[in-house]
Protein backbone atom coordinates (compact mmCIF):
# COMPACT_ATOMS: atom_id res chain seq x y z
CA UNK A 1 134.15 207.30 167.75
CA UNK A 2 136.01 204.03 167.25
CA UNK A 3 138.50 205.75 164.95
CA UNK A 4 139.30 208.27 167.68
CA UNK A 5 139.96 205.44 170.11
CA UNK A 6 142.22 203.70 167.59
CA UNK A 7 144.18 206.93 167.04
CA UNK A 8 144.47 207.50 170.79
CA UNK A 9 145.93 204.02 171.31
CA UNK A 10 148.30 204.48 168.39
CA UNK A 11 149.52 207.77 169.87
CA UNK A 12 149.96 206.22 173.30
CA UNK A 13 151.88 203.30 171.88
CA UNK A 14 154.26 205.61 170.07
CA UNK A 15 154.51 208.03 173.00
CA UNK A 16 155.53 205.44 175.58
CA UNK A 17 157.00 202.82 173.28
CA UNK A 18 154.45 200.21 174.27
CA UNK A 19 155.30 196.85 172.79
CA UNK A 20 154.54 193.31 173.84
CA UNK A 21 155.28 192.61 177.51
CA UNK A 22 158.67 191.05 178.14
CA UNK A 23 157.09 187.92 179.63
CA UNK A 24 153.94 185.87 179.22
CA UNK A 25 153.61 185.34 182.95
CA UNK A 26 150.66 187.53 184.09
CA UNK A 27 152.47 188.36 187.33
CA UNK A 28 155.17 190.09 185.30
CA UNK A 29 153.19 191.32 182.29
CA UNK A 30 150.40 193.08 184.21
CA UNK A 31 152.65 195.40 186.26
CA UNK A 32 154.72 196.12 183.12
CA UNK A 33 151.63 197.21 181.19
CA UNK A 34 150.23 199.20 184.12
CA UNK A 35 153.55 201.00 184.55
CA UNK A 36 153.55 201.98 180.88
CA UNK A 37 150.00 203.30 181.11
CA UNK A 38 150.96 205.29 184.19
CA UNK A 39 153.82 206.81 182.21
CA UNK A 40 151.34 207.64 179.44
CA UNK A 41 149.00 209.38 181.89
CA UNK A 42 151.86 211.60 183.02
CA UNK A 43 153.54 212.29 179.68
CA UNK A 44 150.51 212.77 177.40
CA UNK A 45 149.33 216.06 178.99
CA UNK A 46 152.92 217.30 179.11
CA UNK A 47 153.52 216.51 175.44
CA UNK A 48 150.34 218.35 174.46
CA UNK A 49 151.26 221.36 176.61
CA UNK A 50 154.76 221.54 175.18
CA UNK A 51 153.68 220.75 171.63
CA UNK A 52 156.04 217.80 171.50
CA UNK A 53 155.26 214.89 169.25
CA UNK A 54 156.61 211.38 169.87
CA UNK A 55 159.43 210.22 167.58
């Protein structure tokens, strides 16, 4: 089960280009991370439906 979780995070990171937040200030980093996860929630089902793999 843990391996599946690791693979899911790896796929999400490559799908949305998730890297380290641009700032260490939690007021900036938290919305940045949440926005990327929101993008992932929208694009992941679409990529599976279209059969598109992240670069």
